[in-house]
Amino acid sequence: YNPLDIVKCVKMWLKDNSDFKADIT
């Protein structure tokens, strides 16, 4: 996976991890 996509997912998790979902290509 693209490291930049993973970084975005981690930032999303930090903002709200109550119902975290990551759909990256």
mmCIF file of all heavy atoms, coordinates in Angstrom:
data_MODEL
# 
_entry.id   MODEL 
# 
loop_
_atom_site.group_PDB 
_atom_site.id 
_atom_site.type_symbol 
_atom_site.label_atom_id 
_atom_site.label_alt_id 
_atom_site.label_comp_id 
_atom_site.label_asym_id 
_atom_site.label_entity_id 
_atom_site.label_seq_id 
_atom_site.pdbx_PDB_ins_code 
_atom_site.Cartn_x 
_atom_site.Cartn_y 
_atom_site.Cartn_z 
_atom_site.occupancy 
_atom_site.B_iso_or_equiv 
_atom_site.pdbx_formal_charge 
_atom_site.auth_seq_id 
_atom_site.auth_comp_id 
_atom_site.auth_asym_id 
_atom_site.auth_atom_id 
_atom_site.pdbx_PDB_model_num 
ATOM 1   N N   . TYR A 1 1  ? 0.843   -1.197 0.000  1.00 0.00 ? 1  TYR A N   1 
ATOM 2   C CA  . TYR A 1 1  ? 0.000   0.000  0.000  1.00 0.00 ? 1  TYR A CA  1 
ATOM 3   C C   . TYR A 1 1  ? 0.878   1.246  0.000  1.00 0.00 ? 1  TYR A C   1 
ATOM 4   O O   . TYR A 1 1  ? 2.030   1.215  0.447  1.00 0.00 ? 1  TYR A O   1 
ATOM 5   C CB  . TYR A 1 1  ? -0.930  0.017  1.210  1.00 0.00 ? 1  TYR A CB  1 
ATOM 6   C CG  . TYR A 1 1  ? -2.018  -1.037 1.155  1.00 0.00 ? 1  TYR A CG  1 
ATOM 7   C CD1 . TYR A 1 1  ? -1.787  -2.309 1.672  1.00 0.00 ? 1  TYR A CD1 1 
ATOM 8   C CD2 . TYR A 1 1  ? -3.245  -0.776 0.559  1.00 0.00 ? 1  TYR A CD2 1 
ATOM 9   C CE1 . TYR A 1 1  ? -2.770  -3.289 1.608  1.00 0.00 ? 1  TYR A CE1 1 
ATOM 10  C CE2 . TYR A 1 1  ? -4.233  -1.741 0.493  1.00 0.00 ? 1  TYR A CE2 1 
ATOM 11  C CZ  . TYR A 1 1  ? -3.990  -2.993 1.016  1.00 0.00 ? 1  TYR A CZ  1 
ATOM 12  O OH  . TYR A 1 1  ? -4.950  -3.966 0.938  1.00 0.00 ? 1  TYR A OH  1 
ATOM 13  N N   . ASN A 1 2  ? 0.296   2.327  -0.480 1.00 0.00 ? 2  ASN A N   1 
ATOM 14  C CA  . ASN A 1 2  ? 1.002   3.601  -0.529 1.00 0.00 ? 2  ASN A CA  1 
ATOM 15  C C   . ASN A 1 2  ? 1.188   4.141  0.897  1.00 0.00 ? 2  ASN A C   1 
ATOM 16  O O   . ASN A 1 2  ? 0.210   4.291  1.638  1.00 0.00 ? 2  ASN A O   1 
ATOM 17  C CB  . ASN A 1 2  ? 0.189   4.596  -1.365 1.00 0.00 ? 2  ASN A CB  1 
ATOM 18  C CG  . ASN A 1 2  ? 0.975   5.852  -1.693 1.00 0.00 ? 2  ASN A CG  1 
ATOM 19  O OD1 . ASN A 1 2  ? 1.823   6.291  -0.926 1.00 0.00 ? 2  ASN A OD1 1 
ATOM 20  N ND2 . ASN A 1 2  ? 0.697   6.440  -2.836 1.00 0.00 ? 2  ASN A ND2 1 
ATOM 21  N N   . PRO A 1 3  ? 2.419   4.449  1.290  1.00 0.00 ? 3  PRO A N   1 
ATOM 22  C CA  . PRO A 1 3  ? 2.650   4.996  2.635  1.00 0.00 ? 3  PRO A CA  1 
ATOM 23  C C   . PRO A 1 3  ? 1.812   6.246  2.929  1.00 0.00 ? 3  PRO A C   1 
ATOM 24  O O   . PRO A 1 3  ? 1.364   6.438  4.060  1.00 0.00 ? 3  PRO A O   1 
ATOM 25  C CB  . PRO A 1 3  ? 4.149   5.329  2.628  1.00 0.00 ? 3  PRO A CB  1 
ATOM 26  C CG  . PRO A 1 3  ? 4.740   4.420  1.596  1.00 0.00 ? 3  PRO A CG  1 
ATOM 27  C CD  . PRO A 1 3  ? 3.678   4.277  0.541  1.00 0.00 ? 3  PRO A CD  1 
ATOM 28  N N   . LEU A 1 4  ? 1.576   7.075  1.916  1.00 0.00 ? 4  LEU A N   1 
ATOM 29  C CA  . LEU A 1 4  ? 0.777   8.289  2.117  1.00 0.00 ? 4  LEU A CA  1 
ATOM 30  C C   . LEU A 1 4  ? -0.680  7.937  2.429  1.00 0.00 ? 4  LEU A C   1 
ATOM 31  O O   . LEU A 1 4  ? -1.327  8.622  3.233  1.00 0.00 ? 4  LEU A O   1 
ATOM 32  C CB  . LEU A 1 4  ? 0.851   9.180  0.877  1.00 0.00 ? 4  LEU A CB  1 
ATOM 33  C CG  . LEU A 1 4  ? 2.237   9.740  0.532  1.00 0.00 ? 4  LEU A CG  1 
ATOM 34  C CD1 . LEU A 1 4  ? 2.184   10.573 -0.742 1.00 0.00 ? 4  LEU A CD1 1 
ATOM 35  C CD2 . LEU A 1 4  ? 2.792   10.568 1.682  1.00 0.00 ? 4  LEU A CD2 1 
ATOM 36  N N   . ASP A 1 5  ? -1.199  6.880  1.808  1.00 0.00 ? 5  ASP A N   1 
ATOM 37  C CA  . ASP A 1 5  ? -2.568  6.433  2.114  1.00 0.00 ? 5  ASP A CA  1 
ATOM 38  C C   . ASP A 1 5  ? -2.654  5.919  3.548  1.00 0.00 ? 5  ASP A C   1 
ATOM 39  O O   . ASP A 1 5  ? -3.652  6.155  4.251  1.00 0.00 ? 5  ASP A O   1 
ATOM 40  C CB  . ASP A 1 5  ? -3.002  5.330  1.144  1.00 0.00 ? 5  ASP A CB  1 
ATOM 41  C CG  . ASP A 1 5  ? -3.234  5.839  -0.267 1.00 0.00 ? 5  ASP A CG  1 
ATOM 42  O OD1 . ASP A 1 5  ? -3.477  7.055  -0.418 1.00 0.00 ? 5  ASP A OD1 1 
ATOM 43  O OD2 . ASP A 1 5  ? -3.170  5.035  -1.211 1.00 0.00 ? 5  ASP A OD2 1 
ATOM 44  N N   . ILE A 1 6  ? -1.615  5.225  3.992  1.00 0.00 ? 6  ILE A N   1 
ATOM 45  C CA  . ILE A 1 6  ? -1.604  4.696  5.357  1.00 0.00 ? 6  ILE A CA  1 
ATOM 46  C C   . ILE A 1 6  ? -1.545  5.841  6.367  1.00 0.00 ? 6  ILE A C   1 
ATOM 47  O O   . ILE A 1 6  ? -2.231  5.818  7.391  1.00 0.00 ? 6  ILE A O   1 
ATOM 48  C CB  . ILE A 1 6  ? -0.420  3.736  5.545  1.00 0.00 ? 6  ILE A CB  1 
ATOM 49  C CG1 . ILE A 1 6  ? -0.576  2.528  4.616  1.00 0.00 ? 6  ILE A CG1 1 
ATOM 50  C CG2 . ILE A 1 6  ? -0.325  3.271  6.996  1.00 0.00 ? 6  ILE A CG2 1 
ATOM 51  C CD1 . ILE A 1 6  ? 0.610   1.595  4.595  1.00 0.00 ? 6  ILE A CD1 1 
ATOM 52  N N   . VAL A 1 7  ? -0.752  6.866  6.060  1.00 0.00 ? 7  VAL A N   1 
ATOM 53  C CA  . VAL A 1 7  ? -0.663  8.038  6.938  1.00 0.00 ? 7  VAL A CA  1 
ATOM 54  C C   . VAL A 1 7  ? -2.038  8.705  7.061  1.00 0.00 ? 7  VAL A C   1 
ATOM 55  O O   . VAL A 1 7  ? -2.454  9.091  8.168  1.00 0.00 ? 7  VAL A O   1 
ATOM 56  C CB  . VAL A 1 7  ? 0.377   9.047  6.400  1.00 0.00 ? 7  VAL A CB  1 
ATOM 57  C CG1 . VAL A 1 7  ? 0.270   10.373 7.139  1.00 0.00 ? 7  VAL A CG1 1 
ATOM 58  C CG2 . VAL A 1 7  ? 1.780   8.478  6.530  1.00 0.00 ? 7  VAL A CG2 1 
ATOM 59  N N   . LYS A 1 8  ? -2.754  8.817  5.953  1.00 0.00 ? 8  LYS A N   1 
ATOM 60  C CA  . LYS A 1 8  ? -4.102  9.410  5.985  1.00 0.00 ? 8  LYS A CA  1 
ATOM 61  C C   . LYS A 1 8  ? -5.029  8.580  6.871  1.00 0.00 ? 8  LYS A C   1 
ATOM 62  O O   . LYS A 1 8  ? -5.834  9.129  7.632  1.00 0.00 ? 8  LYS A O   1 
ATOM 63  C CB  . LYS A 1 8  ? -4.661  9.504  4.569  1.00 0.00 ? 8  LYS A CB  1 
ATOM 64  C CG  . LYS A 1 8  ? -3.978  10.546 3.691  1.00 0.00 ? 8  LYS A CG  1 
ATOM 65  C CD  . LYS A 1 8  ? -4.570  10.546 2.282  1.00 0.00 ? 8  LYS A CD  1 
ATOM 66  C CE  . LYS A 1 8  ? -3.854  11.550 1.392  1.00 0.00 ? 8  LYS A CE  1 
ATOM 67  N NZ  . LYS A 1 8  ? -4.378  11.519 0.003  1.00 0.00 ? 8  LYS A NZ  1 
ATOM 68  N N   . CYS A 1 9  ? -4.911  7.259  6.768  1.00 0.00 ? 9  CYS A N   1 
ATOM 69  C CA  . CYS A 1 9  ? -5.763  6.380  7.575  1.00 0.00 ? 9  CYS A CA  1 
ATOM 70  C C   . CYS A 1 9  ? -5.460  6.534  9.063  1.00 0.00 ? 9  CYS A C   1 
ATOM 71  O O   . CYS A 1 9  ? -6.369  6.548  9.898  1.00 0.00 ? 9  CYS A O   1 
ATOM 72  C CB  . CYS A 1 9  ? -5.566  4.926  7.153  1.00 0.00 ? 9  CYS A CB  1 
ATOM 73  S SG  . CYS A 1 9  ? -6.255  4.520  5.540  1.00 0.00 ? 9  CYS A SG  1 
ATOM 74  N N   . VAL A 1 10 ? -4.175  6.665  9.403  1.00 0.00 ? 10 VAL A N   1 
ATOM 75  C CA  . VAL A 1 10 ? -3.796  6.840  10.803 1.00 0.00 ? 10 VAL A CA  1 
ATOM 76  C C   . VAL A 1 10 ? -4.341  8.168  11.340 1.00 0.00 ? 10 VAL A C   1 
ATOM 77  O O   . VAL A 1 10 ? -4.838  8.238  12.475 1.00 0.00 ? 10 VAL A O   1 
ATOM 78  C CB  . VAL A 1 10 ? -2.259  6.787  10.955 1.00 0.00 ? 10 VAL A CB  1 
ATOM 79  C CG1 . VAL A 1 10 ? -1.849  7.177  12.371 1.00 0.00 ? 10 VAL A CG1 1 
ATOM 80  C CG2 . VAL A 1 10 ? -1.733  5.395  10.624 1.00 0.00 ? 10 VAL A CG2 1 
ATOM 81  N N   . LYS A 1 11 ? -4.295  9.214  10.532 1.00 0.00 ? 11 LYS A N   1 
ATOM 82  C CA  . LYS A 1 11 ? -4.839  10.509 10.946 1.00 0.00 ? 11 LYS A CA  1 
ATOM 83  C C   . LYS A 1 11 ? -6.351  10.420 11.138 1.00 0.00 ? 11 LYS A C   1 
ATOM 84  O O   . LYS A 1 11 ? -6.907  11.029 12.074 1.00 0.00 ? 11 LYS A O   1 
ATOM 85  C CB  . LYS A 1 11 ? -4.496  11.579 9.907  1.00 0.00 ? 11 LYS A CB  1 
ATOM 86  C CG  . LYS A 1 11 ? -3.022  11.972 9.893  1.00 0.00 ? 11 LYS A CG  1 
ATOM 87  C CD  . LYS A 1 11 ? -2.738  13.058 8.863  1.00 0.00 ? 11 LYS A CD  1 
ATOM 88  C CE  . LYS A 1 11 ? -1.272  13.491 8.905  1.00 0.00 ? 11 LYS A CE  1 
ATOM 89  N NZ  . LYS A 1 11 ? -0.976  14.538 7.903  1.00 0.00 ? 11 LYS A NZ  1 
ATOM 90  N N   . MET A 1 12 ? -7.027  9.664  10.261 1.00 0.00 ? 12 MET A N   1 
ATOM 91  C CA  . MET A 1 12 ? -8.467  9.444  10.418 1.00 0.00 ? 12 MET A CA  1 
ATOM 92  C C   . MET A 1 12 ? -8.753  8.720  11.724 1.00 0.00 ? 12 MET A C   1 
ATOM 93  O O   . MET A 1 12 ? -9.705  9.050  12.437 1.00 0.00 ? 12 MET A O   1 
ATOM 94  C CB  . MET A 1 12 ? -9.005  8.627  9.237  1.00 0.00 ? 12 MET A CB  1 
ATOM 95  C CG  . MET A 1 12 ? -9.085  9.381  7.917  1.00 0.00 ? 12 MET A CG  1 
ATOM 96  S SD  . MET A 1 12 ? -9.431  8.277  6.519  1.00 0.00 ? 12 MET A SD  1 
ATOM 97  C CE  . MET A 1 12 ? -10.908 7.441  7.082  1.00 0.00 ? 12 MET A CE  1 
ATOM 98  N N   . TRP A 1 13 ? -7.936  7.722  12.039 1.00 0.00 ? 13 TRP A N   1 
ATOM 99  C CA  . TRP A 1 13 ? -8.113  6.961  13.279 1.00 0.00 ? 13 TRP A CA  1 
ATOM 100 C C   . TRP A 1 13 ? -7.946  7.868  14.495 1.00 0.00 ? 13 TRP A C   1 
ATOM 101 O O   . TRP A 1 13 ? -8.683  7.746  15.474 1.00 0.00 ? 13 TRP A O   1 
ATOM 102 C CB  . TRP A 1 13 ? -7.109  5.820  13.321 1.00 0.00 ? 13 TRP A CB  1 
ATOM 103 C CG  . TRP A 1 13 ? -7.318  4.854  14.443 1.00 0.00 ? 13 TRP A CG  1 
ATOM 104 C CD1 . TRP A 1 13 ? -8.050  3.699  14.428 1.00 0.00 ? 13 TRP A CD1 1 
ATOM 105 C CD2 . TRP A 1 13 ? -6.780  4.970  15.776 1.00 0.00 ? 13 TRP A CD2 1 
ATOM 106 N NE1 . TRP A 1 13 ? -7.995  3.086  15.646 1.00 0.00 ? 13 TRP A NE1 1 
ATOM 107 C CE2 . TRP A 1 13 ? -7.225  3.852  16.503 1.00 0.00 ? 13 TRP A CE2 1 
ATOM 108 C CE3 . TRP A 1 13 ? -5.962  5.899  16.403 1.00 0.00 ? 13 TRP A CE3 1 
ATOM 109 C CZ2 . TRP A 1 13 ? -6.887  3.633  17.831 1.00 0.00 ? 13 TRP A CZ2 1 
ATOM 110 C CZ3 . TRP A 1 13 ? -5.635  5.705  17.743 1.00 0.00 ? 13 TRP A CZ3 1 
ATOM 111 C CH2 . TRP A 1 13 ? -6.091  4.579  18.435 1.00 0.00 ? 13 TRP A CH2 1 
ATOM 112 N N   . LEU A 1 14 ? -6.962  8.758  14.445 1.00 0.00 ? 14 LEU A N   1 
ATOM 113 C CA  . LEU A 1 14 ? -6.726  9.650  15.572 1.00 0.00 ? 14 LEU A CA  1 
ATOM 114 C C   . LEU A 1 14 ? -7.884  10.615 15.793 1.00 0.00 ? 14 LEU A C   1 
ATOM 115 O O   . LEU A 1 14 ? -8.184  10.991 16.922 1.00 0.00 ? 14 LEU A O   1 
ATOM 116 C CB  . LEU A 1 14 ? -5.428  10.434 15.346 1.00 0.00 ? 14 LEU A CB  1 
ATOM 117 C CG  . LEU A 1 14 ? -4.126  9.623  15.449 1.00 0.00 ? 14 LEU A CG  1 
ATOM 118 C CD1 . LEU A 1 14 ? -2.944  10.460 14.985 1.00 0.00 ? 14 LEU A CD1 1 
ATOM 119 C CD2 . LEU A 1 14 ? -3.913  9.135  16.875 1.00 0.00 ? 14 LEU A CD2 1 
ATOM 120 N N   . LYS A 1 15 ? -8.555  11.002 14.696 1.00 0.00 ? 15 LYS A N   1 
ATOM 121 C CA  . LYS A 1 15 ? -9.695  11.913 14.812 1.00 0.00 ? 15 LYS A CA  1 
ATOM 122 C C   . LYS A 1 15 ? -10.925 11.195 15.350 1.00 0.00 ? 15 LYS A C   1 
ATOM 123 O O   . LYS A 1 15 ? -11.662 11.725 16.169 1.00 0.00 ? 15 LYS A O   1 
ATOM 124 C CB  . LYS A 1 15 ? -10.009 12.532 13.447 1.00 0.00 ? 15 LYS A CB  1 
ATOM 125 C CG  . LYS A 1 15 ? -8.994  13.564 12.993 1.00 0.00 ? 15 LYS A CG  1 
ATOM 126 C CD  . LYS A 1 15 ? -9.404  14.171 11.649 1.00 0.00 ? 15 LYS A CD  1 
ATOM 127 C CE  . LYS A 1 15 ? -8.411  15.240 11.212 1.00 0.00 ? 15 LYS A CE  1 
ATOM 128 N NZ  . LYS A 1 15 ? -8.795  15.830 9.892  1.00 0.00 ? 15 LYS A NZ  1 
ATOM 129 N N   . ASP A 1 16 ? -11.160 9.976  14.892 1.00 0.00 ? 16 ASP A N   1 
ATOM 130 C CA  . ASP A 1 16 ? -12.344 9.216  15.325 1.00 0.00 ? 16 ASP A CA  1 
ATOM 131 C C   . ASP A 1 16 ? -12.107 7.736  15.051 1.00 0.00 ? 16 ASP A C   1 
ATOM 132 O O   . ASP A 1 16 ? -12.098 7.298  13.911 1.00 0.00 ? 16 ASP A O   1 
ATOM 133 C CB  . ASP A 1 16 ? -13.595 9.701  14.568 1.00 0.00 ? 16 ASP A CB  1 
ATOM 134 C CG  . ASP A 1 16 ? -14.851 8.977  15.040 1.00 0.00 ? 16 ASP A CG  1 
ATOM 135 O OD1 . ASP A 1 16 ? -14.787 8.315  16.091 1.00 0.00 ? 16 ASP A OD1 1 
ATOM 136 O OD2 . ASP A 1 16 ? -15.876 9.082  14.351 1.00 0.00 ? 16 ASP A OD2 1 
ATOM 137 N N   . ASN A 1 17 ? -11.904 6.974  16.120 1.00 0.00 ? 17 ASN A N   1 
ATOM 138 C CA  . ASN A 1 17 ? -11.666 5.542  15.967 1.00 0.00 ? 17 ASN A CA  1 
ATOM 139 C C   . ASN A 1 17 ? -12.821 4.694  16.479 1.00 0.00 ? 17 ASN A C   1 
ATOM 140 O O   . ASN A 1 17 ? -12.686 3.488  16.669 1.00 0.00 ? 17 ASN A O   1 
ATOM 141 C CB  . ASN A 1 17 ? -10.367 5.127  16.688 1.00 0.00 ? 17 ASN A CB  1 
ATOM 142 C CG  . ASN A 1 17 ? -10.379 5.518  18.161 1.00 0.00 ? 17 ASN A CG  1 
ATOM 143 O OD1 . ASN A 1 17 ? -11.394 5.426  18.834 1.00 0.00 ? 17 ASN A OD1 1 
ATOM 144 N ND2 . ASN A 1 17 ? -9.225  5.946  18.655 1.00 0.00 ? 17 ASN A ND2 1 
ATOM 145 N N   . SER A 1 18 ? -13.961 5.332  16.716 1.00 0.00 ? 18 SER A N   1 
ATOM 146 C CA  . SER A 1 18 ? -15.110 4.603  17.247 1.00 0.00 ? 18 SER A CA  1 
ATOM 147 C C   . SER A 1 18 ? -15.669 3.599  16.245 1.00 0.00 ? 18 SER A C   1 
ATOM 148 O O   . SER A 1 18 ? -16.103 2.514  16.613 1.00 0.00 ? 18 SER A O   1 
ATOM 149 C CB  . SER A 1 18 ? -16.210 5.591  17.664 1.00 0.00 ? 18 SER A CB  1 
ATOM 150 O OG  . SER A 1 18 ? -16.598 6.387  16.540 1.00 0.00 ? 18 SER A OG  1 
ATOM 151 N N   . ASP A 1 19 ? -15.674 3.949  14.978 1.00 0.00 ? 19 ASP A N   1 
ATOM 152 C CA  . ASP A 1 19 ? -16.157 3.041  13.934 1.00 0.00 ? 19 ASP A CA  1 
ATOM 153 C C   . ASP A 1 19 ? -15.219 3.152  12.740 1.00 0.00 ? 19 ASP A C   1 
ATOM 154 O O   . ASP A 1 19 ? -15.615 3.521  11.638 1.00 0.00 ? 19 ASP A O   1 
ATOM 155 C CB  . ASP A 1 19 ? -17.600 3.398  13.540 1.00 0.00 ? 19 ASP A CB  1 
ATOM 156 C CG  . ASP A 1 19 ? -18.190 2.374  12.577 1.00 0.00 ? 19 ASP A CG  1 
ATOM 157 O OD1 . ASP A 1 19 ? -17.745 1.211  12.603 1.00 0.00 ? 19 ASP A OD1 1 
ATOM 158 O OD2 . ASP A 1 19 ? -19.085 2.745  11.776 1.00 0.00 ? 19 ASP A OD2 1 
ATOM 159 N N   . PHE A 1 20 ? -13.949 2.830  12.989 1.00 0.00 ? 20 PHE A N   1 
ATOM 160 C CA  . PHE A 1 20 ? -12.920 3.057  11.978 1.00 0.00 ? 20 PHE A CA  1 
ATOM 161 C C   . PHE A 1 20 ? -13.010 2.059  10.836 1.00 0.00 ? 20 PHE A C   1 
ATOM 162 O O   . PHE A 1 20 ? -13.125 0.858  11.040 1.00 0.00 ? 20 PHE A O   1 
ATOM 163 C CB  . PHE A 1 20 ? -11.529 2.976  12.614 1.00 0.00 ? 20 PHE A CB  1 
ATOM 164 C CG  . PHE A 1 20 ? -10.408 3.143  11.634 1.00 0.00 ? 20 PHE A CG  1 
ATOM 165 C CD1 . PHE A 1 20 ? -10.094 4.396  11.134 1.00 0.00 ? 20 PHE A CD1 1 
ATOM 166 C CD2 . PHE A 1 20 ? -9.682  2.042  11.200 1.00 0.00 ? 20 PHE A CD2 1 
ATOM 167 C CE1 . PHE A 1 20 ? -9.060  4.559  10.228 1.00 0.00 ? 20 PHE A CE1 1 
ATOM 168 C CE2 . PHE A 1 20 ? -8.646  2.199  10.294 1.00 0.00 ? 20 PHE A CE2 1 
ATOM 169 C CZ  . PHE A 1 20 ? -8.334  3.459  9.810  1.00 0.00 ? 20 PHE A CZ  1 
ATOM 170 N N   . LYS A 1 21 ? -12.968 2.595  9.615  1.00 0.00 ? 21 LYS A N   1 
ATOM 171 C CA  . LYS A 1 21 ? -12.937 1.769  8.416  1.00 0.00 ? 21 LYS A CA  1 
ATOM 172 C C   . LYS A 1 21 ? -11.945 2.384  7.431  1.00 0.00 ? 21 LYS A C   1 
ATOM 173 O O   . LYS A 1 21 ? -11.889 3.595  7.280  1.00 0.00 ? 21 LYS A O   1 
ATOM 174 C CB  . LYS A 1 21 ? -14.322 1.674  7.772  1.00 0.00 ? 21 LYS A CB  1 
ATOM 175 C CG  . LYS A 1 21 ? -15.338 0.909  8.600  1.00 0.00 ? 21 LYS A CG  1 
ATOM 176 C CD  . LYS A 1 21 ? -16.685 0.855  7.912  1.00 0.00 ? 21 LYS A CD  1 
ATOM 177 C CE  . LYS A 1 21 ? -17.701 0.106  8.756  1.00 0.00 ? 21 LYS A CE  1 
ATOM 178 N NZ  . LYS A 1 21 ? -19.038 0.071  8.124  1.00 0.00 ? 21 LYS A NZ  1 
ATOM 179 N N   . ALA A 1 22 ? -11.179 1.542  6.777  1.00 0.00 ? 22 ALA A N   1 
ATOM 180 C CA  . ALA A 1 22 ? -10.201 2.022  5.798  1.00 0.00 ? 22 ALA A CA  1 
ATOM 181 C C   . ALA A 1 22 ? -10.348 1.209  4.526  1.00 0.00 ? 22 ALA A C   1 
ATOM 182 O O   . ALA A 1 22 ? -10.187 -0.001 4.537  1.00 0.00 ? 22 ALA A O   1 
ATOM 183 C CB  . ALA A 1 22 ? -8.789  1.902  6.352  1.00 0.00 ? 22 ALA A CB  1 
ATOM 184 N N   . ASP A 1 23 ? -10.682 1.869  3.457  1.00 0.00 ? 23 ASP A N   1 
ATOM 185 C CA  . ASP A 1 23 ? -10.833 1.196  2.169  1.00 0.00 ? 23 ASP A CA  1 
ATOM 186 C C   . ASP A 1 23 ? -9.839  1.817  1.196  1.00 0.00 ? 23 ASP A C   1 
ATOM 187 O O   . ASP A 1 23 ? -10.156 2.756  0.480  1.00 0.00 ? 23 ASP A O   1 
ATOM 188 C CB  . ASP A 1 23 ? -12.267 1.339  1.650  1.00 0.00 ? 23 ASP A CB  1 
ATOM 189 C CG  . ASP A 1 23 ? -12.487 0.523  0.388  1.00 0.00 ? 23 ASP A CG  1 
ATOM 190 O OD1 . ASP A 1 23 ? -11.651 -0.371 0.119  1.00 0.00 ? 23 ASP A OD1 1 
ATOM 191 O OD2 . ASP A 1 23 ? -13.471 0.770  -0.332 1.00 0.00 ? 23 ASP A OD2 1 
ATOM 192 N N   . ILE A 1 24 ? -8.618  1.324  1.222  1.00 0.00 ? 24 ILE A N   1 
ATOM 193 C CA  . ILE A 1 24 ? -7.572  1.864  0.353  1.00 0.00 ? 24 ILE A CA  1 
ATOM 194 C C   . ILE A 1 24 ? -7.146  0.809  -0.661 1.00 0.00 ? 24 ILE A C   1 
ATOM 195 O O   . ILE A 1 24 ? -7.206  -0.385 -0.396 1.00 0.00 ? 24 ILE A O   1 
ATOM 196 C CB  . ILE A 1 24 ? -6.361  2.364  1.158  1.00 0.00 ? 24 ILE A CB  1 
ATOM 197 C CG1 . ILE A 1 24 ? -5.812  1.266  2.079  1.00 0.00 ? 24 ILE A CG1 1 
ATOM 198 C CG2 . ILE A 1 24 ? -6.713  3.593  1.958  1.00 0.00 ? 24 ILE A CG2 1 
ATOM 199 C CD1 . ILE A 1 24 ? -4.579  1.690  2.862  1.00 0.00 ? 24 ILE A CD1 1 
ATOM 200 N N   . THR A 1 25 ? -6.739  1.285  -1.813 1.00 0.00 ? 25 THR A N   1 
ATOM 201 C CA  . THR A 1 25 ? -6.361  0.400  -2.921 1.00 0.00 ? 25 THR A CA  1 
ATOM 202 C C   . THR A 1 25 ? -4.885  0.055  -2.844 1.00 0.00 ? 25 THR A C   1 
ATOM 203 O O   . THR A 1 25 ? -4.064  0.928  -2.554 1.00 0.00 ? 25 THR A O   1 
ATOM 204 C CB  . THR A 1 25 ? -6.662  1.087  -4.266 1.00 0.00 ? 25 THR A CB  1 
ATOM 205 O OG1 . THR A 1 25 ? -8.063  1.396  -4.332 1.00 0.00 ? 25 THR A OG1 1 
ATOM 206 C CG2 . THR A 1 25 ? -6.293  0.186  -5.433 1.00 0.00 ? 25 THR A CG2 1 
# 
